[in-house]
Amino acid sequence: MCGCVPATDLKREEALKQHKTLSQELVSLRGELVAASSACEKLEKARTDLQTAYQEFVQKLNQQHQTDRTELENRLKDLYTAECEKLQSIYI
């Protein structure tokens, strides 16, 4: 027997090294996947929160617009009525 390591032992060693390397890469990828999933969940929650805030803002803005419009219509009616009364008194 020679003092050499048989070829099958070399192949086995190489396969074990490759297995270890791939296992470490898999663990690393799983960690990245967990981090990416967590980031995605946070972004989804932030998007939902922003969408809710936007909808509330638009609703408040529409309410304010309606209030302003009603006030302006009332002022215009009052001015119109006052002007009509003034013209009637001038005519009489």
PDB file of N, CA and C in Angstrom:
ATOM      1  N   MET A   1       0.834  -1.182   0.000  1.00  0.00           N
ATOM      2  CA  MET A   1       0.000   0.000   0.000  1.00  0.00           C
ATOM      3  C   MET A   1       0.873   1.237   0.000  1.00  0.00           C
ATOM      4  N   CYS A   2       0.483   2.147  -0.727  1.00  0.00           N
ATOM      5  CA  CYS A   2       1.258   3.370  -0.732  1.00  0.00           C
ATOM      6  C   CYS A   2       0.696   4.301   0.322  1.00  0.00           C
ATOM      7  N   GLY A   3       1.401   5.290   0.689  1.00  0.00           N
ATOM      8  CA  GLY A   3       0.986   6.220   1.729  1.00  0.00           C
ATOM      9  C   GLY A   3       0.032   7.286   1.210  1.00  0.00           C
ATOM     10  N   CYS A   4      -0.567   7.077   0.051  1.00  0.00           N
ATOM     11  CA  CYS A   4      -1.457   8.055  -0.564  1.00  0.00           C
ATOM     12  C   CYS A   4      -2.888   7.836  -0.093  1.00  0.00           C
ATOM     13  N   VAL A   5      -3.620   8.916  -0.067  1.00  0.00           N
ATOM     14  CA  VAL A   5      -5.031   8.841   0.271  1.00  0.00           C
ATOM     15  C   VAL A   5      -5.758   8.383  -1.004  1.00  0.00           C
ATOM     16  N   PRO A   6      -6.602   7.357  -0.875  1.00  0.00           N
ATOM     17  CA  PRO A   6      -7.294   6.872  -2.070  1.00  0.00           C
ATOM     18  C   PRO A   6      -8.186   7.960  -2.681  1.00  0.00           C
ATOM     19  N   ALA A   7      -8.461   7.828  -3.962  1.00  0.00           N
ATOM     20  CA  ALA A   7      -9.241   8.815  -4.702  1.00  0.00           C
ATOM     21  C   ALA A   7     -10.645   8.957  -4.147  1.00  0.00           C
ATOM     22  N   THR A   8     -11.225   7.872  -3.670  1.00  0.00           N
ATOM     23  CA  THR A   8     -12.587   7.962  -3.118  1.00  0.00           C
ATOM     24  C   THR A   8     -12.604   8.809  -1.862  1.00  0.00           C
ATOM     25  N   ASP A   9     -11.562   8.728  -1.060  1.00  0.00           N
ATOM     26  CA  ASP A   9     -11.495   9.572   0.135  1.00  0.00           C
ATOM     27  C   ASP A   9     -11.371  11.049  -0.248  1.00  0.00           C
ATOM     28  N   LEU A  10     -10.636  11.345  -1.303  1.00  0.00           N
ATOM     29  CA  LEU A  10     -10.504  12.723  -1.768  1.00  0.00           C
ATOM     30  C   LEU A  10     -11.844  13.245  -2.270  1.00  0.00           C
ATOM     31  N   LYS A  11     -12.562  12.406  -3.011  1.00  0.00           N
ATOM     32  CA  LYS A  11     -13.871  12.811  -3.507  1.00  0.00           C
ATOM     33  C   LYS A  11     -14.833  13.049  -2.354  1.00  0.00           C
ATOM     34  N   ARG A  12     -14.772  12.184  -1.352  1.00  0.00           N
ATOM     35  CA  ARG A  12     -15.647  12.330  -0.184  1.00  0.00           C
ATOM     36  C   ARG A  12     -15.324  13.616   0.565  1.00  0.00           C
ATOM     37  N   GLU A  13     -14.042  13.889   0.745  1.00  0.00           N
ATOM     38  CA  GLU A  13     -13.621  15.119   1.421  1.00  0.00           C
ATOM     39  C   GLU A  13     -14.111  16.349   0.656  1.00  0.00           C
ATOM     40  N   GLU A  14     -13.950  16.309  -0.652  1.00  0.00           N
ATOM     41  CA  GLU A  14     -14.386  17.434  -1.485  1.00  0.00           C
ATOM     42  C   GLU A  14     -15.901  17.598  -1.400  1.00  0.00           C
ATOM     43  N   ALA A  15     -16.631  16.510  -1.412  1.00  0.00           N
ATOM     44  CA  ALA A  15     -18.090  16.562  -1.310  1.00  0.00           C
ATOM     45  C   ALA A  15     -18.503  17.116   0.046  1.00  0.00           C
ATOM     46  N   LEU A  16     -17.817  16.723   1.113  1.00  0.00           N
ATOM     47  CA  LEU A  16     -18.125  17.242   2.448  1.00  0.00           C
ATOM     48  C   LEU A  16     -17.845  18.746   2.529  1.00  0.00           C
ATOM     49  N   LYS A  17     -16.735  19.179   1.931  1.00  0.00           N
ATOM     50  CA  LYS A  17     -16.420  20.610   1.914  1.00  0.00           C
ATOM     51  C   LYS A  17     -17.505  21.389   1.160  1.00  0.00           C
ATOM     52  N   GLN A  18     -17.899  20.831   0.001  1.00  0.00           N
ATOM     53  CA  GLN A  18     -18.918  21.487  -0.798  1.00  0.00           C
ATOM     54  C   GLN A  18     -20.254  21.512  -0.036  1.00  0.00           C
ATOM     55  N   HIS A  19     -20.573  20.421   0.641  1.00  0.00           N
ATOM     56  CA  HIS A  19     -21.803  20.344   1.437  1.00  0.00           C
ATOM     57  C   HIS A  19     -21.785  21.393   2.548  1.00  0.00           C
ATOM     58  N   LYS A  20     -20.651  21.520   3.227  1.00  0.00           N
ATOM     59  CA  LYS A  20     -20.521  22.503   4.301  1.00  0.00           C
ATOM     60  C   LYS A  20     -20.673  23.922   3.749  1.00  0.00           C
ATOM     61  N   THR A  21     -20.023  24.191   2.627  1.00  0.00           N
ATOM     62  CA  THR A  21     -20.110  25.509   2.011  1.00  0.00           C
ATOM     63  C   THR A  21     -21.551  25.825   1.613  1.00  0.00           C
ATOM     64  N   LEU A  22     -22.213  24.874   0.986  1.00  0.00           N
ATOM     65  CA  LEU A  22     -23.597  25.081   0.559  1.00  0.00           C
ATOM     66  C   LEU A  22     -24.534  25.225   1.756  1.00  0.00           C
ATOM     67  N   SER A  23     -24.264  24.478   2.814  1.00  0.00           N
ATOM     68  CA  SER A  23     -25.085  24.595   4.024  1.00  0.00           C
ATOM     69  C   SER A  23     -24.950  25.988   4.637  1.00  0.00           C
ATOM     70  N   GLN A  24     -23.722  26.494   4.683  1.00  0.00           N
ATOM     71  CA  GLN A  24     -23.501  27.834   5.204  1.00  0.00           C
ATOM     72  C   GLN A  24     -24.189  28.882   4.329  1.00  0.00           C
ATOM     73  N   GLU A  25     -24.120  28.680   3.028  1.00  0.00           N
ATOM     74  CA  GLU A  25     -24.778  29.615   2.109  1.00  0.00           C
ATOM     75  C   GLU A  25     -26.295  29.567   2.296  1.00  0.00           C
ATOM     76  N   LEU A  26     -26.830  28.378   2.499  1.00  0.00           N
ATOM     77  CA  LEU A  26     -28.268  28.222   2.732  1.00  0.00           C
ATOM     78  C   LEU A  26     -28.693  28.933   4.015  1.00  0.00           C
ATOM     79  N   VAL A  27     -27.915  28.795   5.070  1.00  0.00           N
ATOM     80  CA  VAL A  27     -28.214  29.475   6.331  1.00  0.00           C
ATOM     81  C   VAL A  27     -28.182  30.986   6.121  1.00  0.00           C
ATOM     82  N   SER A  28     -27.181  31.451   5.375  1.00  0.00           N
ATOM     83  CA  SER A  28     -27.064  32.879   5.096  1.00  0.00           C
ATOM     84  C   SER A  28     -28.268  33.373   4.284  1.00  0.00           C
ATOM     85  N   LEU A  29     -28.656  32.608   3.279  1.00  0.00           N
ATOM     86  CA  LEU A  29     -29.808  32.985   2.452  1.00  0.00           C
ATOM     87  C   LEU A  29     -31.100  32.976   3.258  1.00  0.00           C
ATOM     88  N   ARG A  30     -31.226  32.034   4.163  1.00  0.00           N
ATOM     89  CA  ARG A  30     -32.420  32.014   5.018  1.00  0.00           C
ATOM     90  C   ARG A  30     -32.474  33.263   5.892  1.00  0.00           C
ATOM     91  N   GLY A  31     -31.326  33.659   6.421  1.00  0.00           N
ATOM     92  CA  GLY A  31     -31.264  34.884   7.217  1.00  0.00           C
ATOM     93  C   GLY A  31     -31.650  36.092   6.397  1.00  0.00           C
ATOM     94  N   GLU A  32     -31.151  36.165   5.171  1.00  0.00           N
ATOM     95  CA  GLU A  32     -31.499  37.275   4.283  1.00  0.00           C
ATOM     96  C   GLU A  32     -32.989  37.265   3.961  1.00  0.00           C
ATOM     97  N   LEU A  33     -33.547  36.066   3.772  1.00  0.00           N
ATOM     98  CA  LEU A  33     -34.976  35.948   3.481  1.00  0.00           C
ATOM     99  C   LEU A  33     -35.818  36.436   4.656  1.00  0.00           C
ATOM    100  N   VAL A  34     -35.405  36.076   5.864  1.00  0.00           N
ATOM    101  CA  VAL A  34     -36.119  36.539   7.057  1.00  0.00           C
ATOM    102  C   VAL A  34     -36.049  38.060   7.148  1.00  0.00           C
ATOM    103  N   ALA A  35     -34.875  38.619   6.925  1.00  0.00           N
ATOM    104  CA  ALA A  35     -34.706  40.075   6.981  1.00  0.00           C
ATOM    105  C   ALA A  35     -35.540  40.755   5.891  1.00  0.00           C
ATOM    106  N   ALA A  36     -35.526  40.193   4.682  1.00  0.00           N
ATOM    107  CA  ALA A  36     -36.296  40.778   3.584  1.00  0.00           C
ATOM    108  C   ALA A  36     -37.791  40.682   3.865  1.00  0.00           C
ATOM    109  N   SER A  37     -38.228  39.566   4.423  1.00  0.00           N
ATOM    110  CA  SER A  37     -39.647  39.405   4.757  1.00  0.00           C
ATOM    111  C   SER A  37     -40.067  40.405   5.820  1.00  0.00           C
ATOM    112  N   SER A  38     -39.212  40.597   6.804  1.00  0.00           N
ATOM    113  CA  SER A  38     -39.498  41.565   7.862  1.00  0.00           C
ATOM    114  C   SER A  38     -39.582  42.979   7.291  1.00  0.00           C
ATOM    115  N   ALA A  39     -38.639  43.316   6.435  1.00  0.00           N
ATOM    116  CA  ALA A  39     -38.645  44.640   5.812  1.00  0.00           C
ATOM    117  C   ALA A  39     -39.899  44.818   4.953  1.00  0.00           C
ATOM    118  N   CYS A  40     -40.282  43.770   4.248  1.00  0.00           N
ATOM    119  CA  CYS A  40     -41.474  43.830   3.401  1.00  0.00           C
ATOM    120  C   CYS A  40     -42.718  44.052   4.257  1.00  0.00           C
ATOM    121  N   GLU A  41     -42.826  43.366   5.374  1.00  0.00           N
ATOM    122  CA  GLU A  41     -43.967  43.541   6.273  1.00  0.00           C
ATOM    123  C   GLU A  41     -44.025  44.969   6.825  1.00  0.00           C
ATOM    124  N   LYS A  42     -42.854  45.501   7.191  1.00  0.00           N
ATOM    125  CA  LYS A  42     -42.802  46.874   7.694  1.00  0.00           C
ATOM    126  C   LYS A  42     -43.233  47.866   6.620  1.00  0.00           C
ATOM    127  N   LEU A  43     -42.751  47.653   5.398  1.00  0.00           N
ATOM    128  CA  LEU A  43     -43.130  48.535   4.293  1.00  0.00           C
ATOM    129  C   LEU A  43     -44.623  48.438   4.000  1.00  0.00           C
ATOM    130  N   GLU A  44     -45.173  47.238   4.064  1.00  0.00           N
ATOM    131  CA  GLU A  44     -46.603  47.056   3.825  1.00  0.00           C
ATOM    132  C   GLU A  44     -47.423  47.772   4.890  1.00  0.00           C
ATOM    133  N   LYS A  45     -46.983  47.686   6.139  1.00  0.00           N
ATOM    134  CA  LYS A  45     -47.682  48.378   7.222  1.00  0.00           C
ATOM    135  C   LYS A  45     -47.577  49.890   7.036  1.00  0.00           C
ATOM    136  N   ALA A  46     -46.397  50.365   6.674  1.00  0.00           N
ATOM    137  CA  ALA A  46     -46.207  51.805   6.440  1.00  0.00           C
ATOM    138  C   ALA A  46     -47.081  52.271   5.284  1.00  0.00           C
ATOM    139  N   ARG A  47     -47.181  51.465   4.222  1.00  0.00           N
ATOM    140  CA  ARG A  47     -48.025  51.814   3.082  1.00  0.00           C
ATOM    141  C   ARG A  47     -49.490  51.900   3.500  1.00  0.00           C
ATOM    142  N   THR A  48     -49.918  50.937   4.289  1.00  0.00           N
ATOM    143  CA  THR A  48     -51.300  50.934   4.768  1.00  0.00           C
ATOM    144  C   THR A  48     -51.569  52.149   5.644  1.00  0.00           C
ATOM    145  N   ASP A  49     -50.635  52.459   6.528  1.00  0.00           N
ATOM    146  CA  ASP A  49     -50.787  53.632   7.403  1.00  0.00           C
ATOM    147  C   ASP A  49     -50.857  54.920   6.587  1.00  0.00           C
ATOM    148  N   LEU A  50     -49.980  55.041   5.582  1.00  0.00           N
ATOM    149  CA  LEU A  50     -49.986  56.229   4.728  1.00  0.00           C
ATOM    150  C   LEU A  50     -51.283  56.331   3.926  1.00  0.00           C
ATOM    151  N   GLN A  51     -51.759  55.204   3.448  1.00  0.00           N
ATOM    152  CA  GLN A  51     -53.004  55.210   2.680  1.00  0.00           C
ATOM    153  C   GLN A  51     -54.173  55.649   3.558  1.00  0.00           C
ATOM    154  N   THR A  52     -54.211  55.158   4.785  1.00  0.00           N
ATOM    155  CA  THR A  52     -55.263  55.552   5.722  1.00  0.00           C
ATOM    156  C   THR A  52     -55.174  57.044   6.025  1.00  0.00           C
ATOM    157  N   ALA A  53     -53.971  57.524   6.300  1.00  0.00           N
ATOM    158  CA  ALA A  53     -53.784  58.949   6.592  1.00  0.00           C
ATOM    159  C   ALA A  53     -54.185  59.792   5.388  1.00  0.00           C
ATOM    160  N   TYR A  54     -53.837  59.359   4.194  1.00  0.00           N
ATOM    161  CA  TYR A  54     -54.196  60.084   2.973  1.00  0.00           C
ATOM    162  C   TYR A  54     -55.715  60.157   2.814  1.00  0.00           C
ATOM    163  N   GLN A  55     -56.378  59.021   3.025  1.00  0.00           N
ATOM    164  CA  GLN A  55     -57.840  58.998   2.896  1.00  0.00           C
ATOM    165  C   GLN A  55     -58.499  59.913   3.925  1.00  0.00           C
ATOM    166  N   GLU A  56     -57.988  59.916   5.144  1.00  0.00           N
ATOM    167  CA  GLU A  56     -58.525  60.802   6.175  1.00  0.00           C
ATOM    168  C   GLU A  56     -58.301  62.268   5.798  1.00  0.00           C
ATOM    169  N   PHE A  57     -57.125  62.571   5.267  1.00  0.00           N
ATOM    170  CA  PHE A  57     -56.811  63.942   4.853  1.00  0.00           C
ATOM    171  C   PHE A  57     -57.754  64.397   3.739  1.00  0.00           C
ATOM    172  N   VAL A  58     -57.949  63.541   2.751  1.00  0.00           N
ATOM    173  CA  VAL A  58     -58.834  63.887   1.634  1.00  0.00           C
ATOM    174  C   VAL A  58     -60.259  64.091   2.131  1.00  0.00           C
ATOM    175  N   GLN A  59     -60.686  63.237   3.057  1.00  0.00           N
ATOM    176  CA  GLN A  59     -62.039  63.381   3.604  1.00  0.00           C
ATOM    177  C   GLN A  59     -62.193  64.715   4.345  1.00  0.00           C
ATOM    178  N   LYS A  60     -61.204  65.063   5.168  1.00  0.00           N
ATOM    179  CA  LYS A  60     -61.247  66.343   5.884  1.00  0.00           C
ATOM    180  C   LYS A  60     -61.217  67.518   4.905  1.00  0.00           C
ATOM    181  N   LEU A  61     -60.400  67.395   3.878  1.00  0.00           N
ATOM    182  CA  LEU A  61     -60.304  68.448   2.878  1.00  0.00           C
ATOM    183  C   LEU A  61     -61.645  68.621   2.157  1.00  0.00           C
ATOM    184  N   ASN A  62     -62.294  67.527   1.809  1.00  0.00           N
ATOM    185  CA  ASN A  62     -63.606  67.603   1.165  1.00  0.00           C
ATOM    186  C   ASN A  62     -64.643  68.229   2.091  1.00  0.00           C
ATOM    187  N   GLN A  63     -64.589  67.880   3.363  1.00  0.00           N
ATOM    188  CA  GLN A  63     -65.522  68.471   4.327  1.00  0.00           C
ATOM    189  C   GLN A  63     -65.292  69.976   4.449  1.00  0.00           C
ATOM    190  N   GLN A  64     -64.024  70.378   4.517  1.00  0.00           N
ATOM    191  CA  GLN A  64     -63.698  71.801   4.611  1.00  0.00           C
ATOM    192  C   GLN A  64     -64.147  72.532   3.355  1.00  0.00           C
ATOM    193  N   HIS A  65     -63.937  71.910   2.217  1.00  0.00           N
ATOM    194  CA  HIS A  65     -64.364  72.521   0.948  1.00  0.00           C
ATOM    195  C   HIS A  65     -65.882  72.714   0.938  1.00  0.00           C
ATOM    196  N   GLN A  66     -66.607  71.704   1.382  1.00  0.00           N
ATOM    197  CA  GLN A  66     -68.068  71.805   1.409  1.00  0.00           C
ATOM    198  C   GLN A  66     -68.521  72.903   2.373  1.00  0.00           C
ATOM    199  N   THR A  67     -67.862  72.988   3.536  1.00  0.00           N
ATOM    200  CA  THR A  67     -68.188  74.033   4.511  1.00  0.00           C
ATOM    201  C   THR A  67     -67.928  75.415   3.919  1.00  0.00           C
ATOM    202  N   ASP A  68     -66.765  75.586   3.302  1.00  0.00           N
ATOM    203  CA  ASP A  68     -66.421  76.874   2.677  1.00  0.00           C
ATOM    204  C   ASP A  68     -67.416  77.226   1.575  1.00  0.00           C
ATOM    205  N   ARG A  69     -67.759  76.249   0.786  1.00  0.00           N
ATOM    206  CA  ARG A  69     -68.707  76.487  -0.308  1.00  0.00           C
ATOM    207  C   ARG A  69     -70.079  76.919   0.227  1.00  0.00           C
ATOM    208  N   THR A  70     -70.539  76.240   1.268  1.00  0.00           N
ATOM    209  CA  THR A  70     -71.829  76.598   1.869  1.00  0.00           C
ATOM    210  C   THR A  70     -71.797  78.016   2.427  1.00  0.00           C
ATOM    211  N   GLU A  71     -70.692  78.359   3.107  1.00  0.00           N
ATOM    212  CA  GLU A  71     -70.553  79.711   3.655  1.00  0.00           C
ATOM    213  C   GLU A  71     -70.572  80.759   2.536  1.00  0.00           C
ATOM    214  N   LEU A  72     -69.861  80.492   1.472  1.00  0.00           N
ATOM    215  CA  LEU A  72     -69.826  81.439   0.348  1.00  0.00           C
ATOM    216  C   LEU A  72     -71.197  81.568  -0.316  1.00  0.00           C
ATOM    217  N   GLU A  73     -71.898  80.450  -0.458  1.00  0.00           N
ATOM    218  CA  GLU A  73     -73.246  80.512  -1.032  1.00  0.00           C
ATOM    219  C   GLU A  73     -74.166  81.354  -0.149  1.00  0.00           C
ATOM    220  N   ASN A  74     -74.077  81.163   1.154  1.00  0.00           N
ATOM    221  CA  ASN A  74     -74.912  81.940   2.082  1.00  0.00           C
ATOM    222  C   ASN A  74     -74.573  83.425   2.018  1.00  0.00           C
ATOM    223  N   ARG A  75     -73.285  83.750   1.966  1.00  0.00           N
ATOM    224  CA  ARG A  75     -72.880  85.151   1.855  1.00  0.00           C
ATOM    225  C   ARG A  75     -73.387  85.769   0.555  1.00  0.00           C
ATOM    226  N   LEU A  76     -73.276  84.997  -0.520  1.00  0.00           N
ATOM    227  CA  LEU A  76     -73.750  85.494  -1.811  1.00  0.00           C
ATOM    228  C   LEU A  76     -75.266  85.725  -1.792  1.00  0.00           C
ATOM    229  N   LYS A  77     -76.004  84.812  -1.190  1.00  0.00           N
ATOM    230  CA  LYS A  77     -77.454  84.988  -1.063  1.00  0.00           C
ATOM    231  C   LYS A  77     -77.780  86.229  -0.246  1.00  0.00           C
ATOM    232  N   ASP A  78     -77.044  86.410   0.860  1.00  0.00           N
ATOM    233  CA  ASP A  78     -77.272  87.595   1.707  1.00  0.00           C
ATOM    234  C   ASP A  78     -76.972  88.875   0.932  1.00  0.00           C
ATOM    235  N   LEU A  79     -75.866  88.884   0.199  1.00  0.00           N
ATOM    236  CA  LEU A  79     -75.522  90.064  -0.602  1.00  0.00           C
ATOM    237  C   LEU A  79     -76.572  90.314  -1.680  1.00  0.00           C
ATOM    238  N   TYR A  80     -77.022  89.268  -2.311  1.00  0.00           N
ATOM    239  CA  TYR A  80     -78.037  89.396  -3.349  1.00  0.00           C
ATOM    240  C   TYR A  80     -79.343  89.954  -2.761  1.00  0.00           C
ATOM    241  N   THR A  81     -79.744  89.401  -1.612  1.00  0.00           N
ATOM    242  CA  THR A  81     -80.961  89.877  -0.958  1.00  0.00           C
ATOM    243  C   THR A  81     -80.826  91.343  -0.561  1.00  0.00           C
ATOM    244  N   ALA A  82     -79.694  91.702   0.013  1.00  0.00           N
ATOM    245  CA  ALA A  82     -79.461  93.090   0.424  1.00  0.00           C
ATOM    246  C   ALA A  82     -79.475  94.011  -0.792  1.00  0.00           C
ATOM    247  N   GLU A  83     -78.857  93.589  -1.876  1.00  0.00           N
ATOM    248  CA  GLU A  83     -78.826  94.416  -3.085  1.00  0.00           C
ATOM    249  C   GLU A  83     -80.227  94.568  -3.664  1.00  0.00           C
ATOM    250  N   CYS A  84     -81.005  93.479  -3.657  1.00  0.00           N
ATOM    251  CA  CYS A  84     -82.387  93.560  -4.156  1.00  0.00           C
ATOM    252  C   CYS A  84     -83.216  94.522  -3.306  1.00  0.00           C
ATOM    253  N   GLU A  85     -83.058  94.430  -1.999  1.00  0.00           N
ATOM    254  CA  GLU A  85     -83.798  95.324  -1.103  1.00  0.00           C
ATOM    255  C   GLU A  85     -83.390  96.775  -1.328  1.00  0.00           C
ATOM    256  N   LYS A  86     -82.105  96.992  -1.541  1.00  0.00           N
ATOM    257  CA  LYS A  86     -81.600  98.343  -1.780  1.00  0.00           C
ATOM    258  C   LYS A  86     -82.196  98.902  -3.080  1.00  0.00           C
ATOM    259  N   LEU A  87     -82.164  98.075  -4.133  1.00  0.00           N
ATOM    260  CA  LEU A  87     -82.716  98.522  -5.402  1.00  0.00           C
ATOM    261  C   LEU A  87     -84.223  98.773  -5.318  1.00  0.00           C
ATOM    262  N   GLN A  88     -84.928  97.942  -4.577  1.00  0.00           N
ATOM    263  CA  GLN A  88     -86.381  98.138  -4.405  1.00  0.00           C
ATOM    264  C   GLN A  88     -86.654  99.438  -3.679  1.00  0.00           C
ATOM    265  N   SER A  89     -85.857  99.727  -2.642  1.00  0.00           N
ATOM    266  CA  SER A  89     -86.073 100.964  -1.890  1.00  0.00           C
ATOM    267  C   SER A  89     -85.749 102.185  -2.756  1.00  0.00           C
ATOM    268  N   ILE A  90     -84.746 102.053  -3.614  1.00  0.00           N
ATOM    269  CA  ILE A  90     -84.427 103.150  -4.528  1.00  0.00           C
ATOM    270  C   ILE A  90     -85.573 103.325  -5.523  1.00  0.00           C
ATOM    271  N   TYR A  91     -86.094 102.246  -6.020  1.00  0.00           N
ATOM    272  CA  TYR A  91     -87.176 102.305  -7.001  1.00  0.00           C
ATOM    273  C   TYR A  91     -88.435 102.925  -6.412  1.00  0.00           C
ATOM    274  N   ILE A  92     -88.710 102.573  -5.155  1.00  0.00           N
ATOM    275  CA  ILE A  92     -89.914 103.099  -4.499  1.00  0.00           C
ATOM    276  C   ILE A  92     -89.655 104.558  -4.181  1.00  0.00           C
TER     277      ILE A  92
END
